[in-house]
Protein backbone atom coordinates (compact mmCIF):
# COMPACT_ATOMS: atom_id res chain seq x y z
CA MET A 1 0.00 0.00 0.00
CA ARG A 2 1.80 3.02 -1.24
CA ASN A 3 -1.03 5.40 -2.06
CA THR A 4 -4.75 5.99 -1.77
CA THR A 5 -5.46 4.00 -4.93
CA ASP A 6 -3.90 0.88 -3.40
CA ILE A 7 -5.80 1.44 -0.16
CA ASN A 8 -9.11 1.96 -1.95
CA LEU A 9 -8.59 -1.24 -3.97
CA ILE A 10 -8.09 -3.25 -0.79
CA ASN A 11 -11.14 -1.60 0.78
CA GLN A 12 -13.18 -2.40 -2.32
CA SER A 13 -12.22 -6.07 -2.14
CA ILE A 14 -13.34 -6.10 1.51
CA VAL A 15 -16.66 -4.48 0.54
CA GLU A 16 -17.17 -7.12 -2.15
CA GLU A 17 -16.64 -9.93 0.37
CA ILE A 18 -19.00 -8.27 2.87
CA SER A 19 -21.62 -7.96 0.11
CA ARG A 20 -21.21 -11.54 -1.11
CA PRO A 21 -24.45 -13.39 -0.45
CA VAL A 22 -24.39 -16.33 1.91
CA ALA A 23 -26.82 -19.19 2.32
CA ILE A 24 -27.91 -18.68 5.91
CA ASP A 25 -29.19 -22.24 6.17
CA ASN A 26 -25.78 -23.61 5.14
CA PRO A 27 -23.39 -23.56 8.13
CA LEU A 28 -20.32 -24.28 5.98
CA ASP A 29 -21.07 -21.33 3.73
CA CYS A 30 -21.46 -19.09 6.78
CA LEU A 31 -18.21 -20.36 8.28
CA GLU A 32 -16.35 -19.84 5.01
CA LYS A 33 -17.53 -16.25 4.74
CA LEU A 34 -16.76 -15.63 8.41
CA ASN A 35 -13.21 -16.95 7.92
CA ASN A 36 -12.74 -14.73 4.85
CA LEU A 37 -13.96 -11.66 6.71
CA VAL A 38 -11.76 -12.35 9.74
CA CYS A 39 -8.77 -12.63 7.40
CA TYR A 40 -9.53 -9.11 6.17
CA LEU A 41 -9.40 -7.56 9.67
CA GLY A 42 -5.66 -6.92 9.57
CA ASN A 43 -5.81 -5.44 6.09
CA SER A 44 -8.67 -3.19 7.11
CA SER A 45 -6.83 -1.86 10.15
CA GLU A 46 -3.74 -1.29 8.05
CA CYS A 47 -5.82 0.66 5.51
CA ILE A 48 -6.99 2.99 8.26
CA SER A 49 -3.54 3.61 9.69
CA LYS A 50 -1.88 4.01 6.29
CA SER A 51 -4.54 6.41 5.00
CA GLU A 52 -4.34 8.49 8.20
CA TYR A 53 -0.55 8.55 7.85
CA LEU A 54 -0.79 9.74 4.23
CA TYR A 55 -3.29 12.41 5.25
CA SER A 56 -1.05 13.69 8.06
CA GLN A 57 1.97 13.59 5.80
CA GLN A 58 0.23 15.69 3.15
CA ILE A 59 -1.03 18.17 5.76
CA ASN A 60 2.57 18.62 6.93
CA GLN A 61 3.66 19.22 3.35
CA LEU A 62 1.01 21.92 2.99
CA ILE A 63 2.06 23.54 6.26
CA ASP A 64 5.69 23.55 5.14
CA THR A 65 4.77 25.59 2.06
CA GLY A 66 3.80 28.52 4.32
CA ILE A 67 0.48 28.95 2.54
CA PHE A 68 -1.40 29.10 5.85
CA ASP A 69 0.39 32.10 7.29
CA SER A 70 -2.49 34.46 6.49
CA TYR A 71 -5.36 32.01 7.16
CA ASN A 72 -7.36 31.66 10.34
CA ALA A 73 -8.10 28.22 11.81
CA SER A 74 -11.41 27.61 10.04
CA GLU A 75 -9.97 28.74 6.69
CA ARG A 76 -7.05 26.35 7.18
CA LYS A 77 -9.40 23.48 7.93
CA LEU A 78 -11.55 24.20 4.87
CA TYR A 79 -8.49 24.57 2.65
CA ILE A 80 -6.98 21.28 3.87
CA GLU A 81 -10.26 19.40 3.41
CA ALA A 82 -10.66 20.78 -0.11
CA LYS A 83 -7.06 20.30 -1.17
CA LEU A 84 -6.74 16.80 0.30
CA ARG A 85 -10.27 15.60 -0.43
CA ASP A 86 -9.07 12.37 -2.09
CA VAL A 87 -6.94 11.36 0.89
CA LEU A 88 -9.66 12.40 3.34
CA TYR A 89 -12.14 10.29 1.37
CA CYS A 90 -9.74 7.36 1.65
CA VAL A 91 -9.53 7.81 5.44
CA LYS A 92 -13.31 7.96 5.84
CA PHE A 93 -13.86 5.06 3.42
CA SER A 94 -11.32 2.94 5.32
CA GLU A 95 -13.03 3.69 8.64
CA THR A 96 -16.48 2.90 7.23
CA VAL A 97 -15.31 -0.36 5.67
CA ASN A 98 -13.71 -1.38 8.97
CA LYS A 99 -16.94 -0.74 10.87
CA ASP A 100 -18.98 -2.62 8.28
CA LEU A 101 -16.51 -5.50 8.47
CA HIS A 102 -16.92 -5.74 12.23
CA TYR A 103 -20.73 -5.63 11.93
CA ALA A 104 -20.68 -8.36 9.26
CA ILE A 105 -18.45 -10.56 11.41
CA GLU A 106 -20.70 -10.14 14.44
CA GLY A 107 -23.78 -10.86 12.34
CA LEU A 108 -22.29 -14.07 11.00
CA ARG A 109 -21.23 -15.13 14.48
CA SER A 110 -24.80 -14.67 15.64
CA ILE A 111 -26.12 -16.72 12.73
CA ILE A 112 -23.62 -19.50 13.42
CA SER A 113 -24.51 -19.49 17.12
CA ALA A 114 -28.19 -19.81 16.26
CA GLN A 115 -27.39 -22.66 13.86
CA LYS A 116 -25.40 -24.39 16.59
CA GLU A 117 -28.29 -24.14 19.05
CA GLU A 118 -30.71 -25.38 16.42
CA TYR A 119 -28.43 -28.34 15.73
CA LYS A 120 -28.16 -29.15 19.46
CA GLN A 121 -31.95 -29.06 19.77
CA SER A 122 -32.38 -31.35 16.76
CA ILE A 123 -29.99 -33.89 18.30
CA LYS A 124 -31.95 -33.89 21.58
CA SER A 125 -35.24 -34.49 19.77
């Protein structure tokens, strides 16, 4: 991951796996998707940290140019957000994908737990 394009590609692959349909009545399908999503956790966290690092790095580069000397705080913030909109988008996208990934994992865990209970009940009957 060297730039926002690389980060966004990784995030997009995570989104595609989150969006992949799963047969809820098939425990193996649920487990496979859960395993895939869990494997993405490290990549997702790295996307957040790398995008935040790139954003901070580019802010520092803007500050070093001296362009902000005549700007007040709110003007600086607006200028940075406008100038670095692509990197800021990458940061926000990475954070959103990470949250969605965690929600998807928890949802699948709940489904698998329900399947397990259902299986236990069917054995008792």
